[in-house]
Amino acid sequence: MKNRREIIYWVLLIIWIIGIFIMSNQPANISDSQSGGIIDILSKIGIDMNNIFGQLANFIVRKCAHFFEYMILALLVLNVLKLYFDMKQVIIITIVFVFLYACTDEIHQLFVPGRSGAIRDVIIDTCGGATTVLINLFVTHKKHQIVKKEI
């Protein structure tokens, strides 16, 4: 590895991948209680998910968690891939990686008590990753516009 940044990017990516695996390896009752904990925290800061969404609150929190954890995964993958590839390749590889990891994650959940694999979750996860890619493209484009104006 060439430098410290490269090592940090790889370590963060590996830690996040392991974190997703560990979260997916939790039985349904533990996973549900964690979602309930998030709903309680939101309630304490004035966002009453149960009042707003009723019985759908837990479902919405869980799906938002999927979306955001894969947004972060895509960001970490982008950081690593930018060290080795041009931007077009980075975009394609990142989205493919996020999709494939989401697929393996859902397959993994088929073997966890009370959990199931869902194509819907693969789509949500991939959309989270694609959102990060789009945000990254937008920010990069804006940076280039600013640099052009300064020149």
C-alpha atoms as a PDB file:
ATOM      1  CA  MET A   1       0.000   0.000   0.000  1.00  0.00           C
ATOM      2  CA  LYS A   2       1.344   3.303  -1.109  1.00  0.00           C
ATOM      3  CA  ASN A   3       0.365   5.618   1.656  1.00  0.00           C
ATOM      4  CA  ARG A   4      -1.482   6.161   4.878  1.00  0.00           C
ATOM      5  CA  ARG A   5      -4.688   7.374   3.198  1.00  0.00           C
ATOM      6  CA  GLU A   6      -4.897   4.179   1.171  1.00  0.00           C
ATOM      7  CA  ILE A   7      -4.587   2.059   4.311  1.00  0.00           C
ATOM      8  CA  ILE A   8      -7.215   4.123   6.143  1.00  0.00           C
ATOM      9  CA  TYR A   9      -9.679   3.854   3.229  1.00  0.00           C
ATOM     10  CA  TRP A  10      -9.246   0.078   3.045  1.00  0.00           C
ATOM     11  CA  VAL A  11      -9.560  -0.389   6.810  1.00  0.00           C
ATOM     12  CA  LEU A  12     -12.732   1.727   6.982  1.00  0.00           C
ATOM     13  CA  LEU A  13     -14.268  -0.212   4.091  1.00  0.00           C
ATOM     14  CA  ILE A  14     -13.459  -3.586   5.651  1.00  0.00           C
ATOM     15  CA  ILE A  15     -14.789  -2.505   9.045  1.00  0.00           C
ATOM     16  CA  TRP A  16     -18.049  -1.311   7.457  1.00  0.00           C
ATOM     17  CA  ILE A  17     -18.478  -4.549   5.495  1.00  0.00           C
ATOM     18  CA  ILE A  18     -17.947  -6.540   8.685  1.00  0.00           C
ATOM     19  CA  GLY A  19     -20.404  -4.240  10.492  1.00  0.00           C
ATOM     20  CA  ILE A  20     -23.109  -4.880   7.894  1.00  0.00           C
ATOM     21  CA  PHE A  21     -22.471  -8.622   8.188  1.00  0.00           C
ATOM     22  CA  ILE A  22     -22.744  -8.513  11.989  1.00  0.00           C
ATOM     23  CA  MET A  23     -25.985  -6.505  11.867  1.00  0.00           C
ATOM     24  CA  SER A  24     -27.452  -8.941   9.332  1.00  0.00           C
ATOM     25  CA  ASN A  25     -26.419 -11.879  11.474  1.00  0.00           C
ATOM     26  CA  GLN A  26     -28.645 -10.755  14.360  1.00  0.00           C
ATOM     27  CA  PRO A  27     -31.877 -12.704  14.844  1.00  0.00           C
ATOM     28  CA  ALA A  28     -35.098 -10.869  13.985  1.00  0.00           C
ATOM     29  CA  ASN A  29     -36.066 -10.148  17.607  1.00  0.00           C
ATOM     30  CA  ILE A  30     -32.768  -8.357  18.307  1.00  0.00           C
ATOM     31  CA  SER A  31     -32.937  -6.431  15.041  1.00  0.00           C
ATOM     32  CA  ASP A  32     -36.534  -5.379  15.774  1.00  0.00           C
ATOM     33  CA  SER A  33     -35.608  -4.180  19.267  1.00  0.00           C
ATOM     34  CA  GLN A  34     -32.847  -2.014  17.793  1.00  0.00           C
ATOM     35  CA  SER A  35     -35.336  -0.427  15.405  1.00  0.00           C
ATOM     36  CA  GLY A  36     -37.628   0.169  18.371  1.00  0.00           C
ATOM     37  CA  GLY A  37     -34.721   1.837  20.166  1.00  0.00           C
ATOM     38  CA  ILE A  38     -34.257   4.234  17.255  1.00  0.00           C
ATOM     39  CA  ILE A  39     -37.982   5.031  17.330  1.00  0.00           C
ATOM     40  CA  ASP A  40     -37.688   5.765  21.075  1.00  0.00           C
ATOM     41  CA  ILE A  41     -34.706   8.064  20.532  1.00  0.00           C
ATOM     42  CA  LEU A  42     -36.542   9.930  17.770  1.00  0.00           C
ATOM     43  CA  SER A  43     -39.559  10.265  20.052  1.00  0.00           C
ATOM     44  CA  LYS A  44     -37.397  11.821  22.777  1.00  0.00           C
ATOM     45  CA  ILE A  45     -36.190  14.508  20.377  1.00  0.00           C
ATOM     46  CA  GLY A  46     -39.720  15.300  19.263  1.00  0.00           C
ATOM     47  CA  ILE A  47     -40.207  13.041  16.237  1.00  0.00           C
ATOM     48  CA  ASP A  48     -43.001  10.625  17.075  1.00  0.00           C
ATOM     49  CA  MET A  49     -42.679   7.985  14.353  1.00  0.00           C
ATOM     50  CA  ASN A  50     -45.433   5.849  15.848  1.00  0.00           C
ATOM     51  CA  ASN A  51     -47.872   8.761  15.779  1.00  0.00           C
ATOM     52  CA  ILE A  52     -46.909   9.705  12.231  1.00  0.00           C
ATOM     53  CA  PHE A  53     -46.701   6.237  10.655  1.00  0.00           C
ATOM     54  CA  GLY A  54     -48.444   3.950  13.148  1.00  0.00           C
ATOM     55  CA  GLN A  55     -47.491   0.305  12.745  1.00  0.00           C
ATOM     56  CA  LEU A  56     -45.389   1.174   9.702  1.00  0.00           C
ATOM     57  CA  ALA A  57     -42.883   3.092  11.866  1.00  0.00           C
ATOM     58  CA  ASN A  58     -40.663   0.072  12.536  1.00  0.00           C
ATOM     59  CA  PHE A  59     -40.725  -0.899   8.856  1.00  0.00           C
ATOM     60  CA  ILE A  60     -39.786   2.628   7.762  1.00  0.00           C
ATOM     61  CA  VAL A  61     -36.917   2.854  10.266  1.00  0.00           C
ATOM     62  CA  ARG A  62     -35.578  -0.516   9.089  1.00  0.00           C
ATOM     63  CA  LYS A  63     -35.719   0.436   5.405  1.00  0.00           C
ATOM     64  CA  CYS A  64     -34.101   3.827   6.075  1.00  0.00           C
ATOM     65  CA  ALA A  65     -31.337   1.990   7.916  1.00  0.00           C
ATOM     66  CA  HIS A  66     -30.794  -0.189   4.839  1.00  0.00           C
ATOM     67  CA  PHE A  67     -30.653   2.859   2.598  1.00  0.00           C
ATOM     68  CA  PHE A  68     -28.193   4.793   4.774  1.00  0.00           C
ATOM     69  CA  GLU A  69     -25.887   1.892   5.595  1.00  0.00           C
ATOM     70  CA  TYR A  70     -25.457   1.245   1.865  1.00  0.00           C
ATOM     71  CA  MET A  71     -24.985   4.952   1.173  1.00  0.00           C
ATOM     72  CA  ILE A  72     -22.031   4.792   3.558  1.00  0.00           C
ATOM     73  CA  LEU A  73     -20.794   1.551   1.982  1.00  0.00           C
ATOM     74  CA  ALA A  74     -20.811   3.223  -1.443  1.00  0.00           C
ATOM     75  CA  LEU A  75     -18.902   6.229  -0.083  1.00  0.00           C
ATOM     76  CA  LEU A  76     -16.221   3.967   1.364  1.00  0.00           C
ATOM     77  CA  VAL A  77     -16.013   1.944  -1.866  1.00  0.00           C
ATOM     78  CA  LEU A  78     -15.745   5.185  -3.877  1.00  0.00           C
ATOM     79  CA  ASN A  79     -12.859   6.355  -1.699  1.00  0.00           C
ATOM     80  CA  VAL A  80     -10.938   3.123  -2.262  1.00  0.00           C
ATOM     81  CA  LEU A  81     -11.647   2.862  -5.985  1.00  0.00           C
ATOM     82  CA  LYS A  82     -10.662   6.480  -6.692  1.00  0.00           C
ATOM     83  CA  LEU A  83      -7.130   5.466  -5.746  1.00  0.00           C
ATOM     84  CA  TYR A  84      -6.950   2.969  -8.623  1.00  0.00           C
ATOM     85  CA  PHE A  85      -9.439   3.826 -11.378  1.00  0.00           C
ATOM     86  CA  ASP A  86     -10.808   6.729 -13.400  1.00  0.00           C
ATOM     87  CA  MET A  87     -14.178   8.169 -12.400  1.00  0.00           C
ATOM     88  CA  LYS A  88     -16.256   6.315 -15.004  1.00  0.00           C
ATOM     89  CA  GLN A  89     -14.889   2.968 -13.806  1.00  0.00           C
ATOM     90  CA  VAL A  90     -15.324   4.012 -10.171  1.00  0.00           C
ATOM     91  CA  ILE A  91     -19.021   4.732 -10.717  1.00  0.00           C
ATOM     92  CA  ILE A  92     -19.728   1.424 -12.445  1.00  0.00           C
ATOM     93  CA  ILE A  93     -17.695  -0.710 -10.053  1.00  0.00           C
ATOM     94  CA  THR A  94     -19.188   1.005  -6.999  1.00  0.00           C
ATOM     95  CA  ILE A  95     -22.788   0.412  -8.057  1.00  0.00           C
ATOM     96  CA  VAL A  96     -22.057  -3.189  -9.082  1.00  0.00           C
ATOM     97  CA  PHE A  97     -20.223  -3.825  -5.795  1.00  0.00           C
ATOM     98  CA  VAL A  98     -23.054  -2.373  -3.701  1.00  0.00           C
ATOM     99  CA  PHE A  99     -25.622  -4.420  -5.631  1.00  0.00           C
ATOM    100  CA  LEU A 100     -23.649  -7.668  -5.284  1.00  0.00           C
ATOM    101  CA  TYR A 101     -22.941  -7.097  -1.596  1.00  0.00           C
ATOM    102  CA  ALA A 102     -26.637  -6.360  -1.009  1.00  0.00           C
ATOM    103  CA  CYS A 103     -27.488  -9.651  -2.768  1.00  0.00           C
ATOM    104  CA  THR A 104     -25.046 -11.630  -0.616  1.00  0.00           C
ATOM    105  CA  ASP A 105     -26.366  -9.864   2.488  1.00  0.00           C
ATOM    106  CA  GLU A 106     -29.930 -10.913   1.719  1.00  0.00           C
ATOM    107  CA  ILE A 107     -28.827 -14.486   0.981  1.00  0.00           C
ATOM    108  CA  HIS A 108     -26.981 -14.481   4.315  1.00  0.00           C
ATOM    109  CA  GLN A 109     -30.185 -13.402   6.093  1.00  0.00           C
ATOM    110  CA  LEU A 110     -31.972 -16.507   4.780  1.00  0.00           C
ATOM    111  CA  PHE A 111     -29.894 -18.483   7.285  1.00  0.00           C
ATOM    112  CA  VAL A 112     -30.500 -16.203  10.289  1.00  0.00           C
ATOM    113  CA  PRO A 113     -33.371 -17.119  12.671  1.00  0.00           C
ATOM    114  CA  GLY A 114     -36.478 -15.045  11.999  1.00  0.00           C
ATOM    115  CA  ARG A 115     -34.880 -13.161   9.114  1.00  0.00           C
ATOM    116  CA  SER A 116     -35.554 -13.441   5.413  1.00  0.00           C
ATOM    117  CA  GLY A 117     -33.964 -12.274   2.220  1.00  0.00           C
ATOM    118  CA  ALA A 118     -35.897  -9.706   0.223  1.00  0.00           C
ATOM    119  CA  ILE A 119     -35.366  -8.419  -3.284  1.00  0.00           C
ATOM    120  CA  ARG A 120     -36.984  -5.182  -2.070  1.00  0.00           C
ATOM    121  CA  ASP A 121     -34.059  -4.711   0.332  1.00  0.00           C
ATOM    122  CA  VAL A 122     -31.517  -5.281  -2.460  1.00  0.00           C
ATOM    123  CA  ILE A 123     -33.251  -2.520  -4.425  1.00  0.00           C
ATOM    124  CA  ILE A 124     -33.298  -0.178  -1.411  1.00  0.00           C
ATOM    125  CA  ASP A 125     -29.623  -0.910  -0.698  1.00  0.00           C
ATOM    126  CA  THR A 126     -28.614  -0.350  -4.315  1.00  0.00           C
ATOM    127  CA  CYS A 127     -30.589   2.903  -4.420  1.00  0.00           C
ATOM    128  CA  GLY A 128     -28.711   4.043  -1.310  1.00  0.00           C
ATOM    129  CA  GLY A 129     -25.409   3.318  -3.022  1.00  0.00           C
ATOM    130  CA  ALA A 130     -26.508   4.979  -6.252  1.00  0.00           C
ATOM    131  CA  THR A 131     -27.570   8.061  -4.281  1.00  0.00           C
ATOM    132  CA  THR A 132     -24.052   8.379  -2.897  1.00  0.00           C
ATOM    133  CA  VAL A 133     -22.630   8.062  -6.403  1.00  0.00           C
ATOM    134  CA  LEU A 134     -24.982  10.796  -7.677  1.00  0.00           C
ATOM    135  CA  ILE A 135     -24.127  13.104  -4.770  1.00  0.00           C
ATOM    136  CA  ASN A 136     -20.435  12.487  -5.410  1.00  0.00           C
ATOM    137  CA  LEU A 137     -20.840  13.309  -9.108  1.00  0.00           C
ATOM    138  CA  PHE A 138     -22.737  16.501  -8.275  1.00  0.00           C
ATOM    139  CA  VAL A 139     -20.119  17.649  -5.741  1.00  0.00           C
ATOM    140  CA  THR A 140     -17.254  16.805  -8.104  1.00  0.00           C
ATOM    141  CA  HIS A 141     -18.969  18.699 -10.936  1.00  0.00           C
ATOM    142  CA  LYS A 142     -19.503  21.757  -8.711  1.00  0.00           C
ATOM    143  CA  LYS A 143     -15.848  21.680  -7.602  1.00  0.00           C
ATOM    144  CA  HIS A 144     -14.711  21.648 -11.227  1.00  0.00           C
ATOM    145  CA  GLN A 145     -17.000  24.598 -12.019  1.00  0.00           C
ATOM    146  CA  ILE A 146     -15.503  26.579  -9.117  1.00  0.00           C
ATOM    147  CA  VAL A 147     -11.944  25.766 -10.213  1.00  0.00           C
ATOM    148  CA  LYS A 148     -12.738  26.823 -13.814  1.00  0.00           C
ATOM    149  CA  LYS A 149     -14.136  30.146 -12.593  1.00  0.00           C
ATOM    150  CA  GLU A 150     -10.986  30.801 -10.560  1.00  0.00           C
ATOM    151  CA  ILE A 151      -8.759  30.178 -13.576  1.00  0.00           C
END
